[in-house]
C-alpha atoms as a PDB file:
ATOM      1  CA  MET A   1     -55.717  -3.382  71.350  1.00  0.00           C
ATOM      2  CA  ASN A   2     -54.421  -6.806  70.492  1.00  0.00           C
ATOM      3  CA  LYS A   3     -51.138  -7.339  68.655  1.00  0.00           C
ATOM      4  CA  ILE A   4     -52.753  -8.088  65.316  1.00  0.00           C
ATOM      5  CA  CYS A   5     -54.837  -4.920  65.302  1.00  0.00           C
ATOM      6  CA  THR A   6     -51.826  -2.877  66.469  1.00  0.00           C
ATOM      7  CA  ARG A   7     -49.740  -4.156  63.574  1.00  0.00           C
ATOM      8  CA  TRP A   8     -52.517  -3.393  61.083  1.00  0.00           C
ATOM      9  CA  ALA A   9     -53.022   0.099  62.547  1.00  0.00           C
ATOM     10  CA  LYS A  10     -49.309   0.876  62.194  1.00  0.00           C
ATOM     11  CA  LYS A  11     -49.446  -0.102  58.520  1.00  0.00           C
ATOM     12  CA  ILE A  12     -52.496   2.076  57.925  1.00  0.00           C
ATOM     13  CA  ILE A  13     -50.914   5.051  59.698  1.00  0.00           C
ATOM     14  CA  ALA A  14     -47.834   4.688  57.494  1.00  0.00           C
ATOM     15  CA  GLU A  15     -50.039   4.837  54.362  1.00  0.00           C
ATOM     16  CA  ILE A  16     -52.052   7.913  55.412  1.00  0.00           C
ATOM     17  CA  ASP A  17     -51.007  11.389  54.322  1.00  0.00           C
ATOM     18  CA  GLY A  18     -52.298  14.257  56.417  1.00  0.00           C
ATOM     19  CA  PRO A  19     -54.296  14.341  59.649  1.00  0.00           C
ATOM     20  CA  PHE A  20     -56.575  11.512  60.805  1.00  0.00           C
ATOM     21  CA  THR A  21     -58.822  10.477  63.698  1.00  0.00           C
ATOM     22  CA  ALA A  22     -59.345   7.199  65.543  1.00  0.00           C
ATOM     23  CA  MET A  23     -62.581   6.731  63.611  1.00  0.00           C
ATOM     24  CA  THR A  24     -60.694   7.061  60.313  1.00  0.00           C
ATOM     25  CA  ILE A  25     -58.266   4.324  61.369  1.00  0.00           C
ATOM     26  CA  ARG A  26     -61.138   2.096  62.534  1.00  0.00           C
ATOM     27  CA  GLU A  27     -63.002   2.505  59.245  1.00  0.00           C
ATOM     28  CA  LYS A  28     -59.897   1.546  57.252  1.00  0.00           C
ATOM     29  CA  LEU A  29     -59.285  -1.466  59.519  1.00  0.00           C
ATOM     30  CA  ILE A  30     -62.842  -2.674  58.941  1.00  0.00           C
ATOM     31  CA  GLU A  31     -62.499  -2.154  55.168  1.00  0.00           C
ATOM     32  CA  LYS A  32     -59.344  -4.235  54.967  1.00  0.00           C
ATOM     33  CA  HIS A  33     -59.838  -6.892  57.642  1.00  0.00           C
ATOM     34  CA  GLY A  34     -63.484  -7.052  58.671  1.00  0.00           C
ATOM     35  CA  THR A  35     -64.775  -6.668  62.211  1.00  0.00           C
ATOM     36  CA  ASN A  36     -63.316  -9.720  63.947  1.00  0.00           C
ATOM     37  CA  TYR A  37     -60.147  -8.226  65.441  1.00  0.00           C
ATOM     38  CA  VAL A  38     -60.886  -4.501  65.167  1.00  0.00           C
ATOM     39  CA  ALA A  39     -60.789  -2.615  68.447  1.00  0.00           C
ATOM     40  CA  SER A  40     -63.113   0.167  69.605  1.00  0.00           C
ATOM     41  CA  ASN A  41     -62.506   3.834  68.834  1.00  0.00           C
ATOM     42  CA  ILE A  42     -61.474   4.396  72.456  1.00  0.00           C
ATOM     43  CA  SER A  43     -58.666   1.834  72.407  1.00  0.00           C
ATOM     44  CA  ILE A  44     -57.520   3.013  68.970  1.00  0.00           C
ATOM     45  CA  GLY A  45     -57.486   6.578  70.331  1.00  0.00           C
ATOM     46  CA  GLN A  46     -55.366   5.490  73.295  1.00  0.00           C
ATOM     47  CA  PHE A  47     -52.928   3.814  70.928  1.00  0.00           C
ATOM     48  CA  LEU A  48     -52.777   6.940  68.742  1.00  0.00           C
ATOM     49  CA  ALA A  49     -52.227   9.198  71.766  1.00  0.00           C
ATOM     50  CA  ARG A  50     -49.118   7.184  72.649  1.00  0.00           C
ATOM     51  CA  ASN A  51     -47.739   6.769  69.131  1.00  0.00           C
ATOM     52  CA  CYS A  52     -48.812   9.882  67.200  1.00  0.00           C
ATOM     53  CA  ILE A  53     -48.937  13.637  67.706  1.00  0.00           C
ATOM     54  CA  VAL A  54     -52.235  15.291  68.677  1.00  0.00           C
ATOM     55  CA  ILE A  55     -52.710  18.392  66.533  1.00  0.00           C
ATOM     56  CA  GLY A  56     -56.186  19.497  67.624  1.00  0.00           C
ATOM     57  CA  LYS A  57     -59.883  18.721  67.509  1.00  0.00           C
ATOM     58  CA  ARG A  58     -62.191  18.379  64.547  1.00  0.00           C
ATOM     59  CA  ASN A  59     -65.908  17.768  65.126  1.00  0.00           C
ATOM     60  CA  GLU A  60     -65.254  17.020  68.823  1.00  0.00           C
ATOM     61  CA  ARG A  61     -62.722  14.314  67.890  1.00  0.00           C
ATOM     62  CA  LEU A  62     -58.992  14.486  68.452  1.00  0.00           C
ATOM     63  CA  THR A  63     -57.004  14.798  65.255  1.00  0.00           C
ATOM     64  CA  TYR A  64     -53.568  13.192  64.967  1.00  0.00           C
ATOM     65  CA  LYS A  65     -50.603  13.220  62.648  1.00  0.00           C
ATOM     66  CA  LYS A  66     -47.952  10.552  62.382  1.00  0.00           C
ATOM     67  CA  ARG A  67     -44.572  11.014  63.997  1.00  0.00           C
ATOM     68  CA  GLU A  68     -41.625  11.552  61.742  1.00  0.00           C
ATOM     69  CA  LYS A  69     -38.727   9.109  61.974  1.00  0.00           C
ATOM     70  CA  ASN A  70     -36.340  11.698  63.450  1.00  0.00           C
ATOM     71  CA  GLU A  71     -38.752  12.841  66.222  1.00  0.00           C
ATOM     72  CA  ASN A  72     -38.484  11.313  69.695  1.00  0.00           C
END
């Protein structure tokens, strides 16, 4: 993902309460910013795997939750 999309994704993750998927993040990115800089679900999923906690699968998609500030 490019730097712009990464920054936008971090803002969206901070606003979300509860679990989410890469597709959820992508849909919100498209709503707010259009399709010009939005990455694919695969690259968003890779970003989420590094920066969020995987809590399971829902409908064959990995489900994530955001990391708390005090977690490493």
